[in-house]
N, C-alpha and C. Protein backbone atom coordinates (compact mmCIF):
# COMPACT_ATOMS: atom_id res chain seq x y z
N MET A 1 -1.92 -124.59 -90.16
CA MET A 1 -0.68 -124.88 -90.74
C MET A 1 -0.60 -126.32 -91.16
N THR A 2 -0.22 -126.72 -92.45
CA THR A 2 -0.01 -128.08 -92.81
C THR A 2 1.35 -128.47 -92.94
N SER A 3 1.69 -129.58 -92.54
CA SER A 3 3.07 -130.08 -92.54
C SER A 3 3.28 -130.88 -93.79
N GLU A 4 4.59 -130.66 -94.42
CA GLU A 4 4.70 -131.38 -95.77
C GLU A 4 5.22 -132.80 -95.51
N ARG A 5 4.75 -133.69 -96.30
CA ARG A 5 5.23 -135.15 -96.32
C ARG A 5 5.68 -135.54 -97.62
N LEU A 6 6.69 -136.46 -97.61
CA LEU A 6 7.09 -136.88 -98.84
C LEU A 6 7.27 -138.46 -98.76
N PHE A 7 6.64 -139.18 -99.79
CA PHE A 7 6.99 -140.63 -99.89
C PHE A 7 7.95 -140.86 -101.03
N LEU A 8 9.14 -141.45 -100.75
CA LEU A 8 10.24 -141.58 -101.73
C LEU A 8 10.44 -143.10 -101.93
N ILE A 9 10.35 -143.53 -103.26
CA ILE A 9 10.84 -144.83 -103.63
C ILE A 9 12.37 -144.72 -104.18
N GLY A 10 13.00 -145.83 -103.57
CA GLY A 10 14.44 -145.80 -103.76
C GLY A 10 15.20 -144.97 -102.80
N GLY A 11 14.80 -144.97 -101.64
CA GLY A 11 15.61 -144.07 -100.61
C GLY A 11 16.99 -144.64 -100.28
N GLY A 12 17.35 -145.76 -100.59
CA GLY A 12 18.77 -146.38 -100.36
C GLY A 12 19.77 -146.00 -101.35
N GLY A 13 19.44 -145.51 -102.42
CA GLY A 13 20.28 -145.35 -103.43
C GLY A 13 21.00 -143.90 -103.35
N PHE A 14 21.97 -143.57 -104.23
CA PHE A 14 22.66 -142.26 -104.13
C PHE A 14 21.71 -141.13 -104.17
N VAL A 15 20.85 -141.12 -105.25
CA VAL A 15 20.06 -140.08 -105.45
C VAL A 15 18.95 -139.98 -104.24
N GLY A 16 18.48 -141.16 -103.84
CA GLY A 16 17.48 -141.07 -102.85
C GLY A 16 17.93 -140.69 -101.47
N GLN A 17 19.31 -141.18 -101.08
CA GLN A 17 19.79 -140.48 -99.94
C GLN A 17 20.00 -139.04 -99.83
N ASN A 18 20.33 -138.51 -101.00
CA ASN A 18 20.61 -137.01 -101.07
C ASN A 18 19.19 -136.31 -101.09
N LEU A 19 18.16 -136.89 -101.63
CA LEU A 19 16.80 -136.38 -101.48
C LEU A 19 16.31 -136.41 -100.04
N ILE A 20 16.45 -137.43 -99.33
CA ILE A 20 16.14 -137.49 -97.96
C ILE A 20 16.70 -136.37 -97.20
N ARG A 21 18.09 -136.25 -97.39
CA ARG A 21 18.91 -135.13 -96.74
C ARG A 21 18.28 -133.79 -96.98
N HIS A 22 18.08 -133.59 -98.33
CA HIS A 22 17.48 -132.24 -98.87
C HIS A 22 16.26 -131.95 -98.22
N TYR A 23 15.46 -132.81 -98.25
CA TYR A 23 13.99 -132.53 -97.72
C TYR A 23 13.95 -132.48 -96.09
N THR A 24 14.66 -133.30 -95.46
CA THR A 24 14.55 -133.30 -93.96
C THR A 24 15.14 -132.06 -93.42
N VAL A 25 16.18 -131.46 -93.95
CA VAL A 25 16.83 -130.29 -93.70
C VAL A 25 15.68 -129.06 -93.71
N ARG A 26 14.91 -129.10 -94.83
CA ARG A 26 13.81 -128.19 -94.90
C ARG A 26 12.55 -128.52 -94.12
N GLY A 27 12.66 -129.49 -93.18
CA GLY A 27 11.39 -129.65 -92.23
C GLY A 27 10.41 -130.57 -92.86
N VAL A 28 10.70 -131.33 -93.89
CA VAL A 28 9.62 -132.15 -94.72
C VAL A 28 9.63 -133.52 -93.89
N GLU A 29 8.67 -134.16 -93.56
CA GLU A 29 8.73 -135.47 -93.19
C GLU A 29 8.79 -136.44 -94.22
N VAL A 30 9.80 -137.33 -94.09
CA VAL A 30 10.11 -138.22 -95.32
C VAL A 30 9.87 -139.60 -94.88
N LEU A 31 9.19 -140.37 -95.74
CA LEU A 31 8.87 -141.84 -95.58
C LEU A 31 9.42 -142.45 -96.88
N ALA A 32 10.54 -143.31 -96.74
CA ALA A 32 11.20 -143.74 -97.93
C ALA A 32 11.21 -145.26 -97.84
N LEU A 33 11.20 -145.78 -99.17
CA LEU A 33 11.11 -147.31 -99.38
C LEU A 33 12.44 -147.69 -100.04
N THR A 34 12.98 -148.80 -99.52
CA THR A 34 14.08 -149.44 -100.00
C THR A 34 13.97 -150.91 -100.23
N ARG A 35 14.87 -151.53 -100.86
CA ARG A 35 14.73 -152.97 -101.18
C ARG A 35 15.43 -153.83 -100.16
N SER A 36 16.23 -153.37 -99.35
CA SER A 36 16.82 -154.29 -98.21
C SER A 36 16.88 -153.58 -96.95
N PRO A 37 16.77 -154.46 -95.84
CA PRO A 37 17.11 -153.83 -94.46
C PRO A 37 18.44 -152.96 -94.40
N GLU A 38 19.37 -153.56 -95.12
CA GLU A 38 20.74 -152.80 -94.98
C GLU A 38 20.60 -151.39 -95.58
N SER A 39 19.95 -151.23 -96.81
CA SER A 39 19.81 -149.96 -97.35
C SER A 39 18.92 -149.07 -96.55
N ALA A 40 17.89 -149.65 -95.74
CA ALA A 40 17.13 -148.86 -94.93
C ALA A 40 17.99 -148.25 -93.77
N LYS A 41 18.76 -148.94 -93.25
CA LYS A 41 19.76 -148.47 -92.13
C LYS A 41 20.62 -147.33 -92.65
N VAL A 42 21.15 -147.47 -93.84
CA VAL A 42 21.99 -146.43 -94.34
C VAL A 42 21.27 -145.09 -94.67
N ALA A 43 20.05 -145.23 -95.19
CA ALA A 43 19.12 -144.00 -95.65
C ALA A 43 18.59 -143.29 -94.49
N GLU A 44 18.40 -143.93 -93.35
CA GLU A 44 17.53 -143.37 -92.29
C GLU A 44 18.37 -142.10 -91.75
N GLU A 45 17.65 -141.04 -91.54
CA GLU A 45 18.18 -139.86 -90.97
C GLU A 45 17.61 -139.83 -89.55
N PRO A 46 18.53 -139.99 -88.59
CA PRO A 46 17.97 -140.19 -87.24
C PRO A 46 17.09 -139.09 -86.68
N GLY A 47 15.84 -139.53 -86.37
CA GLY A 47 14.85 -138.56 -85.85
C GLY A 47 14.05 -137.81 -86.89
N ARG A 48 14.45 -138.00 -88.10
CA ARG A 48 13.86 -137.07 -89.08
C ARG A 48 13.12 -137.81 -90.22
N SER A 49 13.57 -139.07 -90.49
CA SER A 49 12.90 -139.88 -91.56
C SER A 49 12.58 -141.16 -91.12
N LYS A 50 11.69 -141.87 -91.89
CA LYS A 50 11.40 -143.18 -91.47
C LYS A 50 11.73 -143.84 -92.84
N VAL A 51 12.35 -145.19 -92.77
CA VAL A 51 12.56 -145.86 -93.99
C VAL A 51 12.08 -147.28 -93.77
N MET A 52 11.43 -147.90 -94.72
CA MET A 52 10.86 -149.14 -94.85
C MET A 52 11.40 -150.00 -95.89
N CYS A 53 11.63 -151.45 -95.60
CA CYS A 53 12.20 -152.30 -96.58
C CYS A 53 10.97 -152.84 -97.30
N SER A 54 11.13 -152.87 -98.68
CA SER A 54 9.96 -153.42 -99.36
C SER A 54 9.88 -154.93 -99.42
N ARG A 55 10.85 -155.68 -98.94
CA ARG A 55 10.67 -157.20 -98.95
C ARG A 55 11.28 -157.69 -97.68
N PRO A 56 10.77 -158.76 -97.07
CA PRO A 56 11.26 -159.20 -95.80
C PRO A 56 12.63 -159.72 -96.04
N ALA A 57 13.42 -159.76 -94.92
CA ALA A 57 14.72 -160.35 -94.87
C ALA A 57 14.59 -161.88 -94.83
N TRP A 58 14.83 -162.34 -95.99
CA TRP A 58 14.43 -163.84 -96.12
C TRP A 58 15.44 -164.72 -95.31
N LYS A 59 16.57 -164.32 -95.06
CA LYS A 59 17.46 -164.99 -94.29
C LYS A 59 17.17 -165.08 -92.71
N GLU A 60 16.31 -164.17 -92.34
CA GLU A 60 15.91 -164.22 -90.99
C GLU A 60 14.73 -165.00 -90.78
N LEU A 61 14.02 -165.50 -91.86
CA LEU A 61 12.76 -166.27 -91.60
C LEU A 61 13.06 -167.54 -91.23
């Protein structure tokens, strides 16, 4: 049995957040890409998806 995976670009936006929710409810493993760490925190579904930021937090460097 193969598990389904989805790589989503734009996971922090309105459409991206809804797609993450849609697919995680159906058991799909989602890896999403966002532009900022703040968007990554908003988009993450606890225990069901992983969200990465596409650029470093420059203020923290």
